[in-house]
Amino acid sequence: MSTIEAVVFDLDGVIIDTEEVWEDVRRGYVAEFGREFLPDSQDRMMGMSTGEWSAHLAVDVGVPRTPEQVAADVLDRMAERYRSALPLIPGSVETVRRLGERYTLALASSSARVLIDQVLATAGLTGEFQVTLSTEEVPRGKPYPDVYLAATDKLGLSPAVCAAIEDSSNGLRSAGAAGLAVIAVPHGVYPPAPDALEMASLVVSDLRELTVEAIDRLR
């Protein structure tokens, strides 16, 4: 018998393919102020909470706006992009529903609450998750374990009986540090670092390959 009782999904890069959208929107935004990303800005911001990446753009990149203003500006642009076209990853909606027939589901995302709610509503997935959390609702973003620890706590479960599905380096580190069994679905354009990928007990190239039997074997 498997001891896995719940599966916690990441959002960006797992259910929706938005890493390129985030990069395009944020690069365009900082360019409006005559600034450009630092060499490691994109990697650093993957998994950061809203407060963290907006502070990076304001303080480190030098956008002459407060972090709160930066966050509001960028989130408005992202919401507009989502309204025009939601970039669902092929098979993601079906995978959520299929796994939901066997496990309790939660979602732990670095996206802001307003974007999480909009994506789930547009994709018809709002009712599939017992718990949804944004890293802006916990003290620290990924790679820290806060959001996964909070999600499992809200489920009333130990991290040891939960599995996480992640794509990014910071996400894999976050789930691993929290003690969940980690499933990696590496992004083709933004692959995780080798040390982060080592946190995964299971690696699949496509969500549609992820079976209940494979998850049951994780513990």
N, C-alpha and C. Protein backbone atom coordinates (compact mmCIF):
# COMPACT_ATOMS: atom_id res chain seq x y z
N MET A 1 0.84 -1.19 0.00
CA MET A 1 0.00 0.00 0.00
C MET A 1 0.88 1.25 0.00
N SER A 2 0.50 2.24 -0.78
CA SER A 2 1.22 3.51 -0.80
C SER A 2 0.91 4.31 0.46
N THR A 3 1.90 5.08 0.91
CA THR A 3 1.64 5.99 2.01
C THR A 3 1.37 7.41 1.51
N ILE A 4 1.40 7.63 0.19
CA ILE A 4 1.11 8.95 -0.36
C ILE A 4 -0.39 9.20 -0.27
N GLU A 5 -0.76 10.27 0.41
CA GLU A 5 -2.17 10.60 0.59
C GLU A 5 -2.58 11.86 -0.17
N ALA A 6 -1.61 12.71 -0.48
CA ALA A 6 -1.94 13.98 -1.14
C ALA A 6 -0.85 14.34 -2.14
N VAL A 7 -1.24 15.06 -3.17
CA VAL A 7 -0.31 15.56 -4.19
C VAL A 7 -0.45 17.08 -4.23
N VAL A 8 0.69 17.77 -4.14
CA VAL A 8 0.71 19.22 -4.16
C VAL A 8 1.33 19.68 -5.47
N PHE A 9 0.56 20.39 -6.26
CA PHE A 9 1.01 20.88 -7.56
C PHE A 9 1.63 22.26 -7.45
N ASP A 10 2.69 22.50 -8.21
CA ASP A 10 3.10 23.85 -8.55
C ASP A 10 2.17 24.32 -9.67
N LEU A 11 2.20 25.61 -9.98
CA LEU A 11 1.34 26.15 -11.05
C LEU A 11 2.15 26.48 -12.31
N ASP A 12 2.99 27.50 -12.21
CA ASP A 12 3.77 27.93 -13.37
C ASP A 12 4.81 26.88 -13.75
N GLY A 13 4.76 26.46 -15.00
CA GLY A 13 5.69 25.45 -15.47
C GLY A 13 5.19 24.03 -15.30
N VAL A 14 4.09 23.85 -14.56
CA VAL A 14 3.52 22.52 -14.35
C VAL A 14 2.11 22.44 -14.95
N ILE A 15 1.25 23.39 -14.58
CA ILE A 15 -0.11 23.43 -15.12
C ILE A 15 -0.19 24.42 -16.29
N ILE A 16 0.46 25.55 -16.15
CA ILE A 16 0.50 26.53 -17.23
C ILE A 16 1.95 26.82 -17.60
N ASP A 17 2.20 27.03 -18.88
CA ASP A 17 3.56 27.25 -19.37
C ASP A 17 3.81 28.75 -19.46
N THR A 18 4.16 29.33 -18.32
CA THR A 18 4.22 30.80 -18.26
C THR A 18 5.61 31.36 -17.99
N GLU A 19 6.62 30.51 -17.83
CA GLU A 19 7.94 31.06 -17.52
C GLU A 19 8.39 32.04 -18.60
N GLU A 20 8.14 31.70 -19.87
CA GLU A 20 8.53 32.60 -20.95
C GLU A 20 7.67 33.87 -20.93
N VAL A 21 6.39 33.73 -20.52
CA VAL A 21 5.52 34.90 -20.42
C VAL A 21 6.02 35.83 -19.32
N TRP A 22 6.34 35.25 -18.16
CA TRP A 22 6.88 36.06 -17.06
C TRP A 22 8.14 36.79 -17.50
N GLU A 23 9.04 36.06 -18.15
CA GLU A 23 10.30 36.68 -18.57
C GLU A 23 10.03 37.81 -19.57
N ASP A 24 9.17 37.56 -20.54
CA ASP A 24 8.87 38.57 -21.56
C ASP A 24 8.25 39.82 -20.93
N VAL A 25 7.29 39.61 -20.02
CA VAL A 25 6.61 40.75 -19.39
C VAL A 25 7.57 41.54 -18.51
N ARG A 26 8.36 40.84 -17.70
CA ARG A 26 9.25 41.56 -16.79
C ARG A 26 10.42 42.22 -17.52
N ARG A 27 10.94 41.56 -18.55
CA ARG A 27 12.01 42.21 -19.33
C ARG A 27 11.47 43.47 -20.03
N GLY A 28 10.29 43.36 -20.60
CA GLY A 28 9.70 44.52 -21.25
C GLY A 28 9.43 45.64 -20.28
N TYR A 29 9.00 45.27 -19.08
CA TYR A 29 8.70 46.27 -18.06
C TYR A 29 9.95 47.03 -17.63
N VAL A 30 11.03 46.31 -17.33
CA VAL A 30 12.23 47.02 -16.88
C VAL A 30 12.84 47.84 -18.01
N ALA A 31 12.65 47.38 -19.26
CA ALA A 31 13.17 48.14 -20.41
C ALA A 31 12.47 49.49 -20.56
N GLU A 32 11.20 49.55 -20.12
CA GLU A 32 10.48 50.83 -20.17
C GLU A 32 11.18 51.91 -19.35
N PHE A 33 11.96 51.48 -18.36
CA PHE A 33 12.68 52.42 -17.50
C PHE A 33 14.17 52.47 -17.84
N GLY A 34 14.53 51.94 -19.00
CA GLY A 34 15.93 51.97 -19.42
C GLY A 34 16.82 51.02 -18.64
N ARG A 35 16.23 49.99 -18.05
CA ARG A 35 16.99 49.01 -17.28
C ARG A 35 16.96 47.66 -18.01
N GLU A 36 17.81 46.74 -17.57
CA GLU A 36 17.78 45.40 -18.10
C GLU A 36 18.13 44.41 -17.00
N PHE A 37 17.73 43.15 -17.20
CA PHE A 37 17.98 42.10 -16.21
C PHE A 37 19.47 41.99 -15.91
N LEU A 38 19.79 41.60 -14.69
CA LEU A 38 21.13 41.16 -14.36
C LEU A 38 21.34 39.77 -14.96
N PRO A 39 22.57 39.31 -15.10
CA PRO A 39 22.80 38.00 -15.73
C PRO A 39 22.05 36.85 -15.08
N ASP A 40 21.82 36.93 -13.76
CA ASP A 40 21.15 35.82 -13.07
C ASP A 40 19.73 36.16 -12.64
N SER A 41 19.18 37.28 -13.14
CA SER A 41 17.85 37.71 -12.68
C SER A 41 16.77 36.67 -12.95
N GLN A 42 16.73 36.12 -14.16
CA GLN A 42 15.67 35.17 -14.50
C GLN A 42 15.72 33.94 -13.60
N ASP A 43 16.91 33.37 -13.42
CA ASP A 43 17.04 32.19 -12.57
C ASP A 43 16.67 32.51 -11.13
N ARG A 44 17.09 33.67 -10.65
CA ARG A 44 16.81 34.04 -9.27
C ARG A 44 15.32 34.24 -9.02
N MET A 45 14.61 34.79 -9.99
CA MET A 45 13.20 35.12 -9.77
C MET A 45 12.27 33.91 -9.90
N MET A 46 12.73 32.84 -10.53
CA MET A 46 11.89 31.65 -10.65
C MET A 46 11.69 31.05 -9.25
N GLY A 47 10.47 31.08 -8.77
CA GLY A 47 10.15 30.57 -7.45
C GLY A 47 10.05 31.62 -6.39
N MET A 48 10.53 32.85 -6.68
CA MET A 48 10.42 33.93 -5.70
C MET A 48 8.95 34.33 -5.50
N SER A 49 8.64 34.80 -4.30
CA SER A 49 7.31 35.35 -4.04
C SER A 49 7.19 36.72 -4.71
N THR A 50 5.97 37.22 -4.76
CA THR A 50 5.72 38.53 -5.37
C THR A 50 6.58 39.62 -4.71
N GLY A 51 6.61 39.62 -3.39
CA GLY A 51 7.39 40.63 -2.69
C GLY A 51 8.88 40.52 -2.97
N GLU A 52 9.34 39.29 -3.17
CA GLU A 52 10.77 39.08 -3.41
C GLU A 52 11.19 39.49 -4.81
N TRP A 53 10.43 39.06 -5.84
CA TRP A 53 10.88 39.42 -7.20
C TRP A 53 10.65 40.91 -7.48
N SER A 54 9.61 41.49 -6.89
CA SER A 54 9.40 42.92 -7.12
C SER A 54 10.50 43.74 -6.45
N ALA A 55 10.98 43.29 -5.29
CA ALA A 55 12.09 43.96 -4.63
C ALA A 55 13.37 43.80 -5.45
N HIS A 56 13.56 42.64 -6.05
CA HIS A 56 14.74 42.44 -6.89
C HIS A 56 14.74 43.42 -8.06
N LEU A 57 13.58 43.58 -8.72
CA LEU A 57 13.52 44.49 -9.86
C LEU A 57 13.70 45.94 -9.42
N ALA A 58 13.16 46.29 -8.28
CA ALA A 58 13.26 47.68 -7.81
C ALA A 58 14.65 48.00 -7.26
N VAL A 59 15.18 47.10 -6.45
CA VAL A 59 16.43 47.38 -5.74
C VAL A 59 17.66 46.96 -6.54
N ASP A 60 17.67 45.72 -7.02
CA ASP A 60 18.86 45.19 -7.69
C ASP A 60 18.94 45.61 -9.16
N VAL A 61 17.82 45.54 -9.86
CA VAL A 61 17.80 45.92 -11.28
C VAL A 61 17.73 47.44 -11.43
N GLY A 62 17.10 48.10 -10.47
CA GLY A 62 17.09 49.56 -10.47
C GLY A 62 15.88 50.23 -11.08
N VAL A 63 14.75 49.51 -11.18
CA VAL A 63 13.52 50.15 -11.66
C VAL A 63 13.13 51.24 -10.65
N PRO A 64 12.94 52.47 -11.08
CA PRO A 64 12.67 53.57 -10.15
C PRO A 64 11.22 53.62 -9.66
N ARG A 65 10.78 52.51 -9.11
CA ARG A 65 9.45 52.40 -8.50
C ARG A 65 9.62 51.60 -7.21
N THR A 66 8.68 51.73 -6.29
CA THR A 66 8.74 50.93 -5.08
C THR A 66 8.43 49.48 -5.43
N PRO A 67 8.87 48.52 -4.60
CA PRO A 67 8.51 47.12 -4.87
C PRO A 67 7.00 46.92 -5.00
N GLU A 68 6.23 47.64 -4.19
CA GLU A 68 4.78 47.50 -4.27
C GLU A 68 4.24 47.99 -5.61
N GLN A 69 4.80 49.08 -6.12
CA GLN A 69 4.39 49.59 -7.43
C GLN A 69 4.82 48.65 -8.54
N VAL A 70 6.03 48.12 -8.43
CA VAL A 70 6.52 47.16 -9.43
C VAL A 70 5.60 45.94 -9.48
N ALA A 71 5.25 45.43 -8.31
CA ALA A 71 4.38 44.25 -8.26
C ALA A 71 3.04 44.54 -8.93
N ALA A 72 2.43 45.66 -8.59
CA ALA A 72 1.13 46.00 -9.17
C ALA A 72 1.23 46.16 -10.69
N ASP A 73 2.28 46.82 -11.17
CA ASP A 73 2.46 47.03 -12.61
C ASP A 73 2.59 45.71 -13.35
N VAL A 74 3.46 44.85 -12.84
CA VAL A 74 3.74 43.58 -13.53
C VAL A 74 2.54 42.64 -13.45
N LEU A 75 1.89 42.57 -12.30
CA LEU A 75 0.73 41.68 -12.17
C LEU A 75 -0.41 42.12 -13.08
N ASP A 76 -0.59 43.41 -13.26
CA ASP A 76 -1.60 43.90 -14.21
C ASP A 76 -1.29 43.41 -15.62
N ARG A 77 -0.02 43.47 -16.00
CA ARG A 77 0.38 43.02 -17.33
C ARG A 77 0.20 41.50 -17.48
N MET A 78 0.53 40.76 -16.43
CA MET A 78 0.36 39.30 -16.48
C MET A 78 -1.12 38.93 -16.57
N ALA A 79 -1.95 39.58 -15.79
CA ALA A 79 -3.38 39.28 -15.83
C ALA A 79 -3.96 39.54 -17.21
N GLU A 80 -3.50 40.60 -17.86
CA GLU A 80 -3.97 40.90 -19.20
C GLU A 80 -3.54 39.82 -20.18
N ARG A 81 -2.33 39.33 -20.04
CA ARG A 81 -1.86 38.24 -20.91
C ARG A 81 -2.70 36.98 -20.69
N TYR A 82 -3.01 36.67 -19.43
CA TYR A 82 -3.82 35.49 -19.13
C TYR A 82 -5.23 35.62 -19.69
N ARG A 83 -5.76 36.85 -19.66
CA ARG A 83 -7.12 37.03 -20.19
C ARG A 83 -7.16 36.82 -21.70
N SER A 84 -6.09 37.19 -22.37
CA SER A 84 -6.07 37.05 -23.83
C SER A 84 -5.79 35.63 -24.27
N ALA A 85 -4.97 34.89 -23.48
CA ALA A 85 -4.65 33.50 -23.84
C ALA A 85 -4.01 32.81 -22.65
N LEU A 86 -4.66 31.78 -22.12
CA LEU A 86 -4.13 31.03 -20.99
C LEU A 86 -3.27 29.88 -21.53
N PRO A 87 -1.97 29.90 -21.27
CA PRO A 87 -1.07 28.91 -21.87
C PRO A 87 -1.02 27.59 -21.09
N LEU A 88 -2.11 26.84 -21.14
CA LEU A 88 -2.16 25.56 -20.44
C LEU A 88 -1.16 24.58 -21.04
N ILE A 89 -0.46 23.85 -20.18
CA ILE A 89 0.44 22.79 -20.64
C ILE A 89 -0.42 21.60 -21.09
N PRO A 90 -0.13 21.03 -22.25
CA PRO A 90 -0.93 19.90 -22.73
C PRO A 90 -1.03 18.78 -21.69
N GLY A 91 -2.25 18.37 -21.43
CA GLY A 91 -2.49 17.27 -20.50
C GLY A 91 -2.56 17.67 -19.04
N SER A 92 -2.29 18.95 -18.72
CA SER A 92 -2.24 19.34 -17.31
C SER A 92 -3.61 19.27 -16.64
N VAL A 93 -4.64 19.77 -17.29
CA VAL A 93 -5.98 19.75 -16.69
C VAL A 93 -6.44 18.31 -16.48
N GLU A 94 -6.21 17.48 -17.47
CA GLU A 94 -6.61 16.07 -17.36
C GLU A 94 -5.83 15.37 -16.25
N THR A 95 -4.55 15.69 -16.11
CA THR A 95 -3.73 15.07 -15.07
C THR A 95 -4.22 15.47 -13.68
N VAL A 96 -4.53 16.74 -13.49
CA VAL A 96 -5.05 17.19 -12.20
C VAL A 96 -6.31 16.41 -11.85
N ARG A 97 -7.22 16.31 -12.79
CA ARG A 97 -8.50 15.62 -12.51
C ARG A 97 -8.28 14.12 -12.29
N ARG A 98 -7.37 13.54 -13.05
CA ARG A 98 -7.11 12.10 -12.91
C ARG A 98 -6.49 11.79 -11.54
N LEU A 99 -5.50 12.57 -11.13
CA LEU A 99 -4.88 12.34 -9.84
C LEU A 99 -5.82 12.69 -8.69
N GLY A 100 -6.73 13.63 -8.94
CA GLY A 100 -7.69 14.00 -7.92
C GLY A 100 -8.68 12.89 -7.59
N GLU A 101 -8.81 11.93 -8.48
CA GLU A 101 -9.67 10.78 -8.21
C GLU A 101 -9.06 9.84 -7.18
N ARG A 102 -7.74 9.95 -7.01
CA ARG A 102 -7.02 9.04 -6.10
C ARG A 102 -6.48 9.76 -4.85
N TYR A 103 -6.05 11.01 -5.01
CA TYR A 103 -5.39 11.73 -3.92
C TYR A 103 -6.11 13.03 -3.59
N THR A 104 -5.92 13.50 -2.37
CA THR A 104 -6.27 14.88 -2.03
C THR A 104 -5.27 15.79 -2.74
N LEU A 105 -5.76 16.90 -3.30
CA LEU A 105 -4.88 17.79 -4.06
C LEU A 105 -4.76 19.16 -3.39
N ALA A 106 -3.55 19.72 -3.50
CA ALA A 106 -3.29 21.09 -3.06
C ALA A 106 -2.44 21.76 -4.12
N LEU A 107 -2.34 23.07 -4.02
CA LEU A 107 -1.53 23.84 -4.96
C LEU A 107 -0.67 24.82 -4.17
N ALA A 108 0.64 24.85 -4.50
CA ALA A 108 1.59 25.74 -3.82
C ALA A 108 2.36 26.49 -4.89
N SER A 109 2.02 27.75 -5.08
CA SER A 109 2.53 28.51 -6.22
C SER A 109 3.24 29.78 -5.79
N SER A 110 4.20 30.19 -6.62
CA SER A 110 4.87 31.48 -6.41
C SER A 110 4.07 32.62 -7.03
N SER A 111 3.05 32.31 -7.79
CA SER A 111 2.23 33.37 -8.38
C SER A 111 1.41 34.07 -7.29
N ALA A 112 1.04 35.30 -7.58
CA ALA A 112 0.18 36.06 -6.67
C ALA A 112 -1.21 35.43 -6.62
N ARG A 113 -1.89 35.63 -5.51
CA ARG A 113 -3.23 35.07 -5.32
C ARG A 113 -4.17 35.43 -6.46
N VAL A 114 -4.13 36.68 -6.92
CA VAL A 114 -5.04 37.11 -7.98
C VAL A 114 -4.82 36.31 -9.25
N LEU A 115 -3.57 35.94 -9.55
CA LEU A 115 -3.29 35.16 -10.75
C LEU A 115 -3.66 33.69 -10.56
N ILE A 116 -3.40 33.15 -9.37
CA ILE A 116 -3.80 31.77 -9.09
C ILE A 116 -5.30 31.58 -9.30
N ASP A 117 -6.08 32.46 -8.68
CA ASP A 117 -7.53 32.34 -8.75
C ASP A 117 -8.04 32.47 -10.18
N GLN A 118 -7.43 33.39 -10.93
CA GLN A 118 -7.87 33.57 -12.31
C GLN A 118 -7.55 32.36 -13.17
N VAL A 119 -6.33 31.82 -13.02
CA VAL A 119 -5.94 30.65 -13.81
C VAL A 119 -6.85 29.46 -13.51
N LEU A 120 -7.08 29.18 -12.25
CA LEU A 120 -7.89 28.03 -11.89
C LEU A 120 -9.33 28.19 -12.37
N ALA A 121 -9.86 29.39 -12.28
CA ALA A 121 -11.22 29.63 -12.75
C ALA A 121 -11.31 29.45 -14.26
N THR A 122 -10.35 30.02 -14.98
CA THR A 122 -10.37 29.92 -16.44
C THR A 122 -10.19 28.48 -16.90
N ALA A 123 -9.34 27.73 -16.19
CA ALA A 123 -9.07 26.33 -16.57
C ALA A 123 -10.14 25.37 -16.05
N GLY A 124 -11.07 25.86 -15.23
CA GLY A 124 -12.10 24.99 -14.69
C GLY A 124 -11.58 24.05 -13.61
N LEU A 125 -10.57 24.49 -12.86
CA LEU A 125 -9.94 23.62 -11.87
C LEU A 125 -10.14 24.09 -10.43
N THR A 126 -10.92 25.14 -10.22
CA THR A 126 -11.06 25.70 -8.88
C THR A 126 -11.48 24.66 -7.86
N GLY A 127 -12.41 23.82 -8.20
CA GLY A 127 -12.93 22.85 -7.25
C GLY A 127 -12.08 21.62 -7.06
N GLU A 128 -10.99 21.51 -7.80
CA GLU A 128 -10.15 20.30 -7.72
C GLU A 128 -9.20 20.32 -6.53
N PHE A 129 -8.89 21.50 -6.00
CA PHE A 129 -7.88 21.62 -4.96
C PHE A 129 -8.51 21.92 -3.61
N GLN A 130 -8.14 21.13 -2.62
CA GLN A 130 -8.64 21.37 -1.26
C GLN A 130 -7.97 22.59 -0.64
N VAL A 131 -6.71 22.82 -1.00
CA VAL A 131 -5.94 23.95 -0.49
C VAL A 131 -5.19 24.60 -1.64
N THR A 132 -5.19 25.91 -1.72
CA THR A 132 -4.33 26.64 -2.65
C THR A 132 -3.60 27.73 -1.88
N LEU A 133 -2.29 27.84 -2.13
CA LEU A 133 -1.47 28.82 -1.42
C LEU A 133 -0.55 29.54 -2.38
N SER A 134 -0.37 30.81 -2.14
CA SER A 134 0.65 31.61 -2.83
C SER A 134 1.80 31.84 -1.86
N THR A 135 3.02 31.93 -2.39
CA THR A 135 4.15 32.22 -1.52
C THR A 135 4.05 33.61 -0.90
N GLU A 136 3.19 34.47 -1.45
CA GLU A 136 3.01 35.77 -0.82
C GLU A 136 2.22 35.65 0.49
N GLU A 137 1.68 34.46 0.75
CA GLU A 137 0.90 34.21 1.96
C GLU A 137 1.70 33.50 3.04
N VAL A 138 2.99 33.28 2.79
CA VAL A 138 3.89 32.67 3.77
C VAL A 138 5.12 33.57 3.92
N PRO A 139 5.92 33.38 4.98
CA PRO A 139 7.03 34.31 5.21
C PRO A 139 8.06 34.35 4.09
N ARG A 140 8.40 33.19 3.52
CA ARG A 140 9.47 33.16 2.52
C ARG A 140 9.04 32.36 1.30
N GLY A 141 9.52 32.79 0.14
CA GLY A 141 9.22 32.07 -1.09
C GLY A 141 10.14 30.89 -1.32
N LYS A 142 9.92 30.18 -2.40
CA LYS A 142 10.81 29.09 -2.79
C LYS A 142 12.19 29.68 -3.12
N PRO A 143 13.29 29.04 -2.76
CA PRO A 143 13.50 27.63 -2.40
C PRO A 143 13.26 27.27 -0.93
N TYR A 144 12.82 28.23 -0.12
CA TYR A 144 12.53 27.88 1.27
C TYR A 144 11.29 26.98 1.32
N PRO A 145 11.16 26.16 2.34
CA PRO A 145 10.07 25.17 2.38
C PRO A 145 8.73 25.71 2.84
N ASP A 146 8.64 27.01 3.15
CA ASP A 146 7.47 27.56 3.84
C ASP A 146 6.14 27.21 3.18
N VAL A 147 6.03 27.39 1.86
CA VAL A 147 4.73 27.23 1.21
C VAL A 147 4.30 25.76 1.22
N TYR A 148 5.25 24.83 1.10
CA TYR A 148 4.89 23.41 1.15
C TYR A 148 4.54 22.97 2.57
N LEU A 149 5.26 23.50 3.54
CA LEU A 149 4.91 23.18 4.93
C LEU A 149 3.53 23.72 5.28
N ALA A 150 3.23 24.92 4.81
CA ALA A 150 1.91 25.50 5.07
C ALA A 150 0.81 24.71 4.37
N ALA A 151 1.06 24.28 3.14
CA ALA A 151 0.06 23.52 2.39
C ALA A 151 -0.26 22.19 3.07
N THR A 152 0.78 21.46 3.47
CA THR A 152 0.53 20.17 4.12
C THR A 152 -0.12 20.36 5.48
N ASP A 153 0.25 21.45 6.17
CA ASP A 153 -0.38 21.74 7.46
C ASP A 153 -1.87 22.01 7.28
N LYS A 154 -2.23 22.77 6.25
CA LYS A 154 -3.64 23.06 6.00
C LYS A 154 -4.40 21.80 5.59
N LEU A 155 -3.70 20.85 4.97
CA LEU A 155 -4.33 19.57 4.62
C LEU A 155 -4.48 18.67 5.85
N GLY A 156 -3.75 19.01 6.92
CA GLY A 156 -3.77 18.18 8.11
C GLY A 156 -2.94 16.92 7.96
N LEU A 157 -1.91 16.99 7.11
CA LEU A 157 -1.09 15.82 6.81
C LEU A 157 0.39 16.11 7.06
N SER A 158 1.14 15.08 7.33
CA SER A 158 2.59 15.19 7.41
C SER A 158 3.16 15.31 6.01
N PRO A 159 4.23 16.11 5.82
CA PRO A 159 4.88 16.16 4.50
C PRO A 159 5.32 14.78 4.01
N ALA A 160 5.59 13.88 4.93
CA ALA A 160 6.08 12.56 4.56
C ALA A 160 5.06 11.74 3.77
N VAL A 161 3.77 12.09 3.86
CA VAL A 161 2.75 11.35 3.12
C VAL A 161 2.22 12.18 1.94
N CYS A 162 2.99 13.18 1.53
CA CYS A 162 2.59 14.03 0.42
C CYS A 162 3.67 14.02 -0.67
N ALA A 163 3.25 14.20 -1.89
CA ALA A 163 4.16 14.33 -3.02
C ALA A 163 3.97 15.70 -3.65
N ALA A 164 5.05 16.25 -4.20
CA ALA A 164 5.00 17.55 -4.87
C ALA A 164 5.39 17.38 -6.33
N ILE A 165 4.75 18.16 -7.21
CA ILE A 165 5.09 18.16 -8.63
C ILE A 165 5.65 19.53 -8.96
N GLU A 166 6.92 19.57 -9.38
CA GLU A 166 7.63 20.83 -9.61
C GLU A 166 8.44 20.77 -10.90
N ASP A 167 8.79 21.97 -11.41
CA ASP A 167 9.60 22.04 -12.63
C ASP A 167 10.89 22.81 -12.44
N SER A 168 10.92 23.79 -11.53
CA SER A 168 12.06 24.69 -11.44
C SER A 168 13.02 24.29 -10.34
N SER A 169 14.22 24.83 -10.41
CA SER A 169 15.23 24.55 -9.38
C SER A 169 14.73 24.94 -8.00
N ASN A 170 14.23 26.17 -7.87
CA ASN A 170 13.79 26.64 -6.56
C ASN A 170 12.58 25.87 -6.06
N GLY A 171 11.70 25.48 -6.97
CA GLY A 171 10.54 24.69 -6.57
C GLY A 171 10.93 23.31 -6.07
N LEU A 172 11.84 22.66 -6.78
CA LEU A 172 12.31 21.34 -6.36
C LEU A 172 13.00 21.43 -5.00
N ARG A 173 13.81 22.46 -4.81
CA ARG A 173 14.49 22.63 -3.53
C ARG A 173 13.49 22.89 -2.40
N SER A 174 12.47 23.68 -2.69
CA SER A 174 11.45 23.99 -1.69
C SER A 174 10.72 22.74 -1.23
N ALA A 175 10.25 21.95 -2.19
CA ALA A 175 9.50 20.73 -1.84
C ALA A 175 10.39 19.73 -1.14
N GLY A 176 11.64 19.59 -1.61
CA GLY A 176 12.56 18.66 -0.97
C GLY A 176 12.90 19.07 0.45
N ALA A 177 13.11 20.37 0.66
CA ALA A 177 13.43 20.87 2.00
C ALA A 177 12.26 20.68 2.96
N ALA A 178 11.04 20.68 2.43
CA ALA A 178 9.86 20.49 3.27
C ALA A 178 9.61 19.03 3.61
N GLY A 179 10.30 18.11 2.91
CA GLY A 179 10.17 16.70 3.22
C GLY A 179 9.15 15.94 2.42
N LEU A 180 8.64 16.55 1.34
CA LEU A 180 7.71 15.83 0.47
C LEU A 180 8.47 14.93 -0.49
N ALA A 181 7.81 13.90 -1.00
CA ALA A 181 8.37 13.14 -2.11
C ALA A 181 8.27 14.03 -3.34
N VAL A 182 9.37 14.18 -4.08
CA VAL A 182 9.44 15.18 -5.14
C VAL A 182 9.38 14.53 -6.52
N ILE A 183 8.46 15.05 -7.34
CA ILE A 183 8.32 14.63 -8.73
C ILE A 183 8.73 15.82 -9.59
N ALA A 184 9.68 15.61 -10.48
CA ALA A 184 10.16 16.68 -11.36
C ALA A 184 9.61 16.51 -12.76
N VAL A 185 9.11 17.62 -13.31
CA VAL A 185 8.71 17.69 -14.71
C VAL A 185 9.53 18.84 -15.31
N PRO A 186 10.78 18.58 -15.69
CA PRO A 186 11.68 19.67 -16.11
C PRO A 186 11.14 20.45 -17.30
N HIS A 187 11.27 21.76 -17.21
CA HIS A 187 10.87 22.64 -18.31
C HIS A 187 11.93 22.58 -19.40
N GLY A 188 11.49 22.50 -20.64
CA GLY A 188 12.44 22.36 -21.74
C GLY A 188 13.30 23.58 -21.96
N VAL A 189 12.76 24.78 -21.71
CA VAL A 189 13.50 26.01 -21.94
C VAL A 189 14.27 26.43 -20.69
N TYR A 190 13.71 26.15 -19.51
CA TYR A 190 14.33 26.55 -18.25
C TYR A 190 14.55 25.31 -17.38
N PRO A 191 15.47 24.42 -17.77
CA PRO A 191 15.66 23.18 -17.02
C PRO A 191 16.24 23.46 -15.64
N PRO A 192 15.89 22.62 -14.65
CA PRO A 192 16.43 22.83 -13.31
C PRO A 192 17.92 22.50 -13.23
N ALA A 193 18.58 23.07 -12.24
CA ALA A 193 19.99 22.79 -12.02
C ALA A 193 20.16 21.34 -11.59
N PRO A 194 21.29 20.74 -11.93
CA PRO A 194 21.51 19.32 -11.59
C PRO A 194 21.33 19.02 -10.10
N ASP A 195 21.82 19.90 -9.22
CA ASP A 195 21.69 19.64 -7.78
C ASP A 195 20.23 19.67 -7.34
N ALA A 196 19.43 20.53 -7.96
CA ALA A 196 18.00 20.59 -7.63
C ALA A 196 17.28 19.35 -8.15
N LEU A 197 17.64 18.90 -9.33
CA LEU A 197 17.00 17.73 -9.92
C LEU A 197 17.27 16.48 -9.08
N GLU A 198 18.38 16.47 -8.37
CA GLU A 198 18.70 15.34 -7.51
C GLU A 198 17.72 15.21 -6.35
N MET A 199 16.96 16.27 -6.07
CA MET A 199 15.95 16.21 -5.02
C MET A 199 14.77 15.32 -5.40
N ALA A 200 14.63 15.07 -6.70
CA ALA A 200 13.46 14.34 -7.20
C ALA A 200 13.61 12.83 -7.07
N SER A 201 12.55 12.20 -6.62
CA SER A 201 12.49 10.74 -6.59
C SER A 201 11.98 10.18 -7.89
N LEU A 202 11.32 11.03 -8.68
CA LEU A 202 10.74 10.62 -9.96
C LEU A 202 10.85 11.79 -10.92
N VAL A 203 11.31 11.52 -12.14
CA VAL A 203 11.40 12.53 -13.18
C VAL A 203 10.60 12.07 -14.39
N VAL A 204 9.69 12.92 -14.86
CA VAL A 204 8.92 12.61 -16.07
C VAL A 204 9.05 13.79 -17.02
N SER A 205 9.05 13.49 -18.31
CA SER A 205 9.19 14.56 -19.29
C SER A 205 7.86 15.18 -19.67
N ASP A 206 6.76 14.52 -19.33
CA ASP A 206 5.43 14.97 -19.70
C ASP A 206 4.47 14.56 -18.59
N LEU A 207 3.63 15.50 -18.15
CA LEU A 207 2.66 15.20 -17.09
C LEU A 207 1.79 14.00 -17.43
N ARG A 208 1.53 13.81 -18.71
CA ARG A 208 0.66 12.71 -19.10
C ARG A 208 1.28 11.35 -18.83
N GLU A 209 2.61 11.33 -18.58
CA GLU A 209 3.29 10.09 -18.23
C GLU A 209 3.13 9.73 -16.76
N LEU A 210 2.67 10.68 -15.96
CA LEU A 210 2.62 10.50 -14.52
C LEU A 210 1.41 9.65 -14.13
N THR A 211 1.67 8.47 -13.61
CA THR A 211 0.59 7.55 -13.27
C THR A 211 0.42 7.45 -11.76
N VAL A 212 -0.75 7.02 -11.35
CA VAL A 212 -1.02 6.76 -9.95
C VAL A 212 -0.06 5.69 -9.43
N GLU A 213 0.21 4.69 -10.25
CA GLU A 213 1.10 3.61 -9.82
C GLU A 213 2.50 4.12 -9.52
N ALA A 214 2.99 5.06 -10.35
CA ALA A 214 4.32 5.62 -10.14
C ALA A 214 4.37 6.44 -8.84
N ILE A 215 3.30 7.19 -8.56
CA ILE A 215 3.25 7.98 -7.33
C ILE A 215 3.16 7.07 -6.13
N ASP A 216 2.39 6.00 -6.24
CA ASP A 216 2.25 5.06 -5.11
C ASP A 216 3.59 4.42 -4.74
N ARG A 217 4.49 4.31 -5.71
CA ARG A 217 5.79 3.69 -5.44
C ARG A 217 6.79 4.65 -4.80
N LEU A 218 6.46 5.93 -4.71
CA LEU A 218 7.42 6.91 -4.19
C LEU A 218 7.78 6.66 -2.74
N ARG A 219 6.86 6.15 -1.94
CA ARG A 219 7.13 5.85 -0.54
C ARG A 219 7.09 4.35 -0.28
